[in-house]
Amino acid sequence: MAHDLGQLVYDRRTALGLSQAALTERCGMKQPQISRIEGGGTMPAIPLLRRLARALDADLTIELTPHHATA
């Protein structure tokens, strides 16, 4: 899950044409934190995910999906 999240952050950041440094300025983080998130090395807490989403001009959506029972 951390890797998937990191890829989403990376993809959105690059789609906006932002460097990691520019993203850190937008969300008040340090560049190594962004690098760890994008590399899948950490799973940020929800408040930090909200900050990242705002900085990336994106909505944060979290959902639980039920497992499908096999018959």
C-alpha atoms as a PDB file:
ATOM      1  CA  MET A   1       0.000   0.000   0.000  1.00  0.00           C
ATOM      2  CA  ALA A   2       2.850   2.417   0.809  1.00  0.00           C
ATOM      3  CA  HIS A   3       4.369   1.797  -2.618  1.00  0.00           C
ATOM      4  CA  ASP A   4       1.039   2.447  -4.371  1.00  0.00           C
ATOM      5  CA  LEU A   5       0.549   5.658  -2.395  1.00  0.00           C
ATOM      6  CA  GLY A   6       4.078   6.781  -3.236  1.00  0.00           C
ATOM      7  CA  GLN A   7       3.423   6.206  -6.925  1.00  0.00           C
ATOM      8  CA  LEU A   8       0.202   8.231  -6.734  1.00  0.00           C
ATOM      9  CA  VAL A   9       2.018  11.147  -5.091  1.00  0.00           C
ATOM     10  CA  TYR A  10       4.840  10.972  -7.633  1.00  0.00           C
ATOM     11  CA  ASP A  11       2.432  10.774 -10.579  1.00  0.00           C
ATOM     12  CA  ARG A  12       0.352  13.724  -9.388  1.00  0.00           C
ATOM     13  CA  ARG A  13       3.427  15.829  -8.560  1.00  0.00           C
ATOM     14  CA  THR A  14       4.978  15.265 -11.966  1.00  0.00           C
ATOM     15  CA  ALA A  15       1.643  15.822 -13.750  1.00  0.00           C
ATOM     16  CA  LEU A  16       1.574  19.252 -12.100  1.00  0.00           C
ATOM     17  CA  GLY A  17       5.164  19.878 -13.183  1.00  0.00           C
ATOM     18  CA  LEU A  18       6.348  20.219  -9.579  1.00  0.00           C
ATOM     19  CA  SER A  19       9.750  19.284  -8.250  1.00  0.00           C
ATOM     20  CA  GLN A  20       9.995  17.666  -4.839  1.00  0.00           C
ATOM     21  CA  ALA A  21      11.333  20.993  -3.554  1.00  0.00           C
ATOM     22  CA  ALA A  22       8.293  22.857  -4.878  1.00  0.00           C
ATOM     23  CA  LEU A  23       5.961  20.320  -3.269  1.00  0.00           C
ATOM     24  CA  THR A  24       7.746  20.688   0.073  1.00  0.00           C
ATOM     25  CA  GLU A  25       7.133  24.431  -0.057  1.00  0.00           C
ATOM     26  CA  ARG A  26       3.451  23.889  -0.785  1.00  0.00           C
ATOM     27  CA  CYS A  27       2.867  21.466   2.077  1.00  0.00           C
ATOM     28  CA  GLY A  28       5.441  22.549   4.652  1.00  0.00           C
ATOM     29  CA  MET A  29       7.387  19.304   4.677  1.00  0.00           C
ATOM     30  CA  LYS A  30      11.054  18.525   4.139  1.00  0.00           C
ATOM     31  CA  GLN A  31      12.336  17.067   0.870  1.00  0.00           C
ATOM     32  CA  PRO A  32      13.517  13.772   2.446  1.00  0.00           C
ATOM     33  CA  GLN A  33       9.954  13.186   3.718  1.00  0.00           C
ATOM     34  CA  ILE A  34       8.556  13.561   0.200  1.00  0.00           C
ATOM     35  CA  SER A  35      11.276  11.302  -1.144  1.00  0.00           C
ATOM     36  CA  ARG A  36      10.464   8.570   1.420  1.00  0.00           C
ATOM     37  CA  ILE A  37       6.745   8.770   0.648  1.00  0.00           C
ATOM     38  CA  GLU A  38       7.300   8.612  -3.105  1.00  0.00           C
ATOM     39  CA  GLY A  39       9.718   5.721  -2.666  1.00  0.00           C
ATOM     40  CA  GLY A  40       7.161   3.736  -0.694  1.00  0.00           C
ATOM     41  CA  GLY A  41       9.306   3.820   2.427  1.00  0.00           C
ATOM     42  CA  THR A  42       6.662   5.224   4.742  1.00  0.00           C
ATOM     43  CA  MET A  43       2.906   5.294   5.205  1.00  0.00           C
ATOM     44  CA  PRO A  44       1.918   8.807   6.311  1.00  0.00           C
ATOM     45  CA  ALA A  45      -0.854   9.472   8.812  1.00  0.00           C
ATOM     46  CA  ILE A  46      -4.173  10.845   7.581  1.00  0.00           C
ATOM     47  CA  PRO A  47      -3.480  14.490   8.580  1.00  0.00           C
ATOM     48  CA  LEU A  48      -0.287  14.427   6.510  1.00  0.00           C
ATOM     49  CA  LEU A  49      -2.149  12.831   3.604  1.00  0.00           C
ATOM     50  CA  ARG A  50      -4.648  15.717   3.761  1.00  0.00           C
ATOM     51  CA  ARG A  51      -1.793  18.247   3.575  1.00  0.00           C
ATOM     52  CA  LEU A  52      -0.293  16.412   0.621  1.00  0.00           C
ATOM     53  CA  ALA A  53      -3.644  16.255  -1.168  1.00  0.00           C
ATOM     54  CA  ARG A  54      -4.178  20.001  -0.717  1.00  0.00           C
ATOM     55  CA  ALA A  55      -0.646  20.736  -1.919  1.00  0.00           C
ATOM     56  CA  LEU A  56      -1.257  18.531  -4.967  1.00  0.00           C
ATOM     57  CA  ASP A  57      -4.622  20.152  -5.767  1.00  0.00           C
ATOM     58  CA  ALA A  58      -6.297  16.791  -5.240  1.00  0.00           C
ATOM     59  CA  ASP A  59      -9.044  15.219  -3.174  1.00  0.00           C
ATOM     60  CA  LEU A  60      -8.173  12.596  -0.582  1.00  0.00           C
ATOM     61  CA  THR A  61     -10.529   9.630  -0.712  1.00  0.00           C
ATOM     62  CA  ILE A  62     -10.268   6.735   1.705  1.00  0.00           C
ATOM     63  CA  GLU A  63     -12.626   3.812   1.457  1.00  0.00           C
ATOM     64  CA  LEU A  64     -13.116   0.330   2.781  1.00  0.00           C
ATOM     65  CA  THR A  65     -14.320  -2.284   0.356  1.00  0.00           C
ATOM     66  CA  PRO A  66     -15.726  -5.577   1.575  1.00  0.00           C
ATOM     67  CA  HIS A  67     -14.046  -8.837   0.653  1.00  0.00           C
ATOM     68  CA  HIS A  68     -16.085 -10.930  -1.687  1.00  0.00           C
ATOM     69  CA  ALA A  69     -16.948 -14.317  -0.249  1.00  0.00           C
ATOM     70  CA  THR A  70     -16.281 -17.247  -2.527  1.00  0.00           C
ATOM     71  CA  ALA A  71     -19.074 -19.779  -2.799  1.00  0.00           C
END
